[in-house]
């Protein structure tokens, strides 16, 4: 039974991560002011969101189980998303960062000024995404006290 719930948690997390990733990616890409920036960021956000969401769903099941609920899921997702986002953010290619800086858009110049700033942005966005996924999965897995026996 636990493997079934674990698999369902990962699958739900992947779908939610994909949806939220596309939304956050498109919103972040909109900062570039170009359609190609929006589309590329949405695709990247969807892919990273699906992977991160699946991992968050599985981790939420492990930490919250059937008794943790929304809060356990949200905090699990928040911590995991921030850590994963920080790791991914440090691996942003320098060529990409320089390409963003060449657009000469003030907000992007501030956000991508250095590797640290870009990593913090990715960490924040992943934390937001995984907080939502973790809360949703944790709430869905919760079994009320009356039904637990």
Protein backbone atom coordinates (compact mmCIF):
# COMPACT_ATOMS: atom_id res chain seq x y z
CA UNK A 1 0.00 0.00 0.00
CA UNK A 2 2.78 2.46 0.85
CA UNK A 3 4.44 1.96 -2.54
CA UNK A 4 1.15 2.85 -4.22
CA UNK A 5 0.80 6.06 -2.20
CA UNK A 6 4.48 6.85 -2.76
CA UNK A 7 4.07 6.44 -6.51
CA UNK A 8 0.89 8.53 -6.54
CA UNK A 9 2.61 11.24 -4.50
CA UNK A 10 5.50 11.38 -6.97
CA UNK A 11 3.19 11.41 -9.97
CA UNK A 12 1.00 14.16 -8.50
CA UNK A 13 4.12 16.11 -7.56
CA UNK A 14 5.46 15.81 -11.11
CA UNK A 15 2.24 17.10 -12.64
CA UNK A 16 1.91 19.95 -10.16
CA UNK A 17 5.59 20.79 -10.53
CA UNK A 18 5.23 20.89 -14.30
CA UNK A 19 2.21 23.21 -14.15
CA UNK A 20 3.71 25.55 -11.53
CA UNK A 21 7.09 25.40 -13.29
CA UNK A 22 5.58 26.52 -16.59
CA UNK A 23 3.79 29.38 -14.85
CA UNK A 24 6.85 30.54 -12.88
CA UNK A 25 9.11 30.05 -15.89
CA UNK A 26 6.86 32.09 -18.16
CA UNK A 27 6.56 34.83 -15.55
CA UNK A 28 10.33 34.94 -15.11
CA UNK A 29 10.85 34.89 -18.89
CA UNK A 30 8.49 37.83 -19.20
CA UNK A 31 11.18 39.94 -17.55
CA UNK A 32 13.12 39.70 -20.80
CA UNK A 33 10.29 41.40 -22.68
CA UNK A 34 10.54 38.94 -25.57
CA UNK A 35 8.27 36.11 -26.64
CA UNK A 36 11.20 33.75 -27.10
CA UNK A 37 12.33 34.51 -23.54
CA UNK A 38 8.88 33.64 -22.21
CA UNK A 39 8.64 30.41 -24.21
CA UNK A 40 12.14 29.17 -23.43
CA UNK A 41 11.75 29.96 -19.74
CA UNK A 42 8.36 28.23 -19.65
CA UNK A 43 9.78 25.06 -21.20
CA UNK A 44 12.79 25.04 -18.85
CA UNK A 45 10.50 25.75 -15.90
CA UNK A 46 8.20 22.90 -16.87
CA UNK A 47 11.01 20.38 -17.18
CA UNK A 48 12.76 21.38 -13.96
CA UNK A 49 9.41 21.72 -12.20
CA UNK A 50 8.34 18.19 -13.15
CA UNK A 51 11.56 16.65 -11.87
CA UNK A 52 11.59 18.75 -8.72
CA UNK A 53 7.88 18.13 -8.13
CA UNK A 54 8.31 14.36 -8.38
CA UNK A 55 11.19 14.47 -5.90
CA UNK A 56 9.22 16.76 -3.59
CA UNK A 57 6.18 14.47 -3.75
CA UNK A 58 8.28 11.47 -2.78
CA UNK A 59 10.10 13.37 -0.04
CA UNK A 60 6.82 14.76 1.31
CA UNK A 61 5.44 11.25 1.54
CA UNK A 62 8.55 10.18 3.45
CA UNK A 63 8.44 13.09 5.92
CA UNK A 64 4.70 13.70 6.31
CA UNK A 65 3.31 10.23 5.58
CA UNK A 66 -0.42 9.97 6.15
CA UNK A 67 -0.42 12.02 9.37
CA UNK A 68 1.67 15.12 8.60
CA UNK A 69 -0.71 17.12 6.46
CA UNK A 70 -0.33 20.39 4.65
CA UNK A 71 2.18 22.03 6.99
CA UNK A 72 4.67 19.16 6.92
CA UNK A 73 4.38 19.07 3.14
CA UNK A 74 4.82 22.81 2.76
CA UNK A 75 7.89 22.99 4.99
CA UNK A 76 9.41 19.91 3.38
CA UNK A 77 8.90 21.42 -0.07
CA UNK A 78 10.21 24.80 1.04
CA UNK A 79 13.47 23.41 2.42
CA UNK A 80 14.03 20.94 -0.40
CA UNK A 81 13.19 23.49 -3.11
CA UNK A 82 15.54 26.09 -1.66
CA UNK A 83 18.41 23.61 -1.44
CA UNK A 84 17.83 22.13 -4.91
CA UNK A 85 17.39 25.60 -6.42
CA UNK A 86 20.62 26.82 -4.86
CA UNK A 87 22.49 23.84 -6.28
CA UNK A 88 20.95 24.28 -9.73
CA UNK A 89 21.50 28.03 -9.61
CA UNK A 90 25.23 27.64 -9.12
CA UNK A 91 25.39 25.55 -12.29
CA UNK A 92 23.87 28.23 -14.55
CA UNK A 93 26.32 28.55 -17.44
CA UNK A 94 28.31 31.76 -17.53
CA UNK A 95 27.42 32.19 -21.21
CA UNK A 96 23.71 32.23 -20.31
CA UNK A 97 24.27 34.78 -17.58
CA UNK A 98 26.24 37.00 -19.94
CA UNK A 99 23.54 36.66 -22.61
CA UNK A 100 20.94 37.84 -20.10
CA UNK A 101 23.14 40.78 -19.14
CA UNK A 102 23.52 41.71 -22.83
CA UNK A 103 19.76 42.41 -22.98
CA UNK A 104 20.54 45.48 -20.83
CA UNK A 105 17.29 45.38 -18.86
CA UNK A 106 17.74 46.96 -15.43
CA UNK A 107 15.97 44.29 -13.35
CA UNK A 108 17.79 41.49 -15.17
CA UNK A 109 21.11 43.28 -14.74
CA UNK A 110 20.54 43.36 -10.99
CA UNK A 111 19.32 39.74 -10.75
CA UNK A 112 22.07 38.26 -12.92
CA UNK A 113 24.89 40.55 -11.81
CA UNK A 114 26.81 37.61 -10.37
CA UNK A 115 26.58 33.86 -9.94
CA UNK A 116 25.37 34.25 -6.33
CA UNK A 117 22.45 36.51 -7.27
CA UNK A 118 21.32 34.15 -10.03
CA UNK A 119 21.53 31.18 -7.66
CA UNK A 120 19.43 32.99 -5.06
CA UNK A 121 16.77 33.73 -7.70
CA UNK A 122 16.60 30.08 -8.75
CA UNK A 123 16.56 29.01 -5.10
CA UNK A 124 13.64 31.35 -4.36
CA UNK A 125 11.63 30.22 -7.38
CA UNK A 126 12.22 26.52 -6.63
CA UNK A 127 11.28 27.10 -3.00
CA UNK A 128 7.97 28.69 -4.07
CA UNK A 129 7.24 25.87 -6.50
CA UNK A 130 8.08 23.07 -4.09
CA UNK A 131 6.21 24.70 -1.20
CA UNK A 132 3.02 24.57 -3.26
CA UNK A 133 3.69 21.01 -4.41
CA UNK A 134 4.57 19.80 -0.90
CA UNK A 135 1.48 21.39 0.64
CA UNK A 136 -0.77 19.89 -2.01
CA UNK A 137 0.74 16.39 -1.73
CA UNK A 138 0.82 16.52 2.08
CA UNK A 139 -2.83 17.57 2.20
CA UNK A 140 -3.86 14.89 -0.24
CA UNK A 141 -2.07 12.13 1.71
CA UNK A 142 -3.50 13.18 5.08
CA UNK A 143 -5.80 10.62 6.65
CA UNK A 144 -8.08 12.25 9.28
CA UNK A 145 -7.82 10.98 12.86
CA UNK A 146 -11.34 9.54 12.79
CA UNK A 147 -10.43 7.24 9.89
CA UNK A 148 -7.03 6.19 11.24
CA UNK A 149 -8.58 4.14 13.96
